[in-house]
Amino acid sequence: MLRHLIHYGIHFLVPILIAIYFFKDNRLKIALILLTGIIIDIDHLWANPLFDPNRCSIGFHMLHSYWAIMAYSILPFFKTTRIIGLALIIHIFADTVDCLLM
């Protein structure tokens, strides 16, 4: 239970807190963009079984691969992709913590 609270807390609470604390002028817009980082979970649709609570997403799913994570890590260095990159990194961080707590 604690594992799931931490995992989903990072997915949903951390982006909102980052938007409120660091982006006071555009906090709602930034929060919504940061929350869209969850979209990379679409790759779970290609997994068999679709959902496995004991499976680590990192390195298993295509959009959670180490190559994808490297690409996500580059995005914050460019102004036009900074927030999207941050959203994806927050997502990967949440899934990494989940894997560590298994």
Foldseek 3Di string as FASTA:
>chain_A
DVLVCQLVCLLQVVLLVCLVPPPVPCSVVLSVLLNCLCVLLVQLCVDVVSDDLLDQPQCPGPCNDPVNLVVLVCQCVDPVRNSNSNSNVSNNVSSVSSNVVD
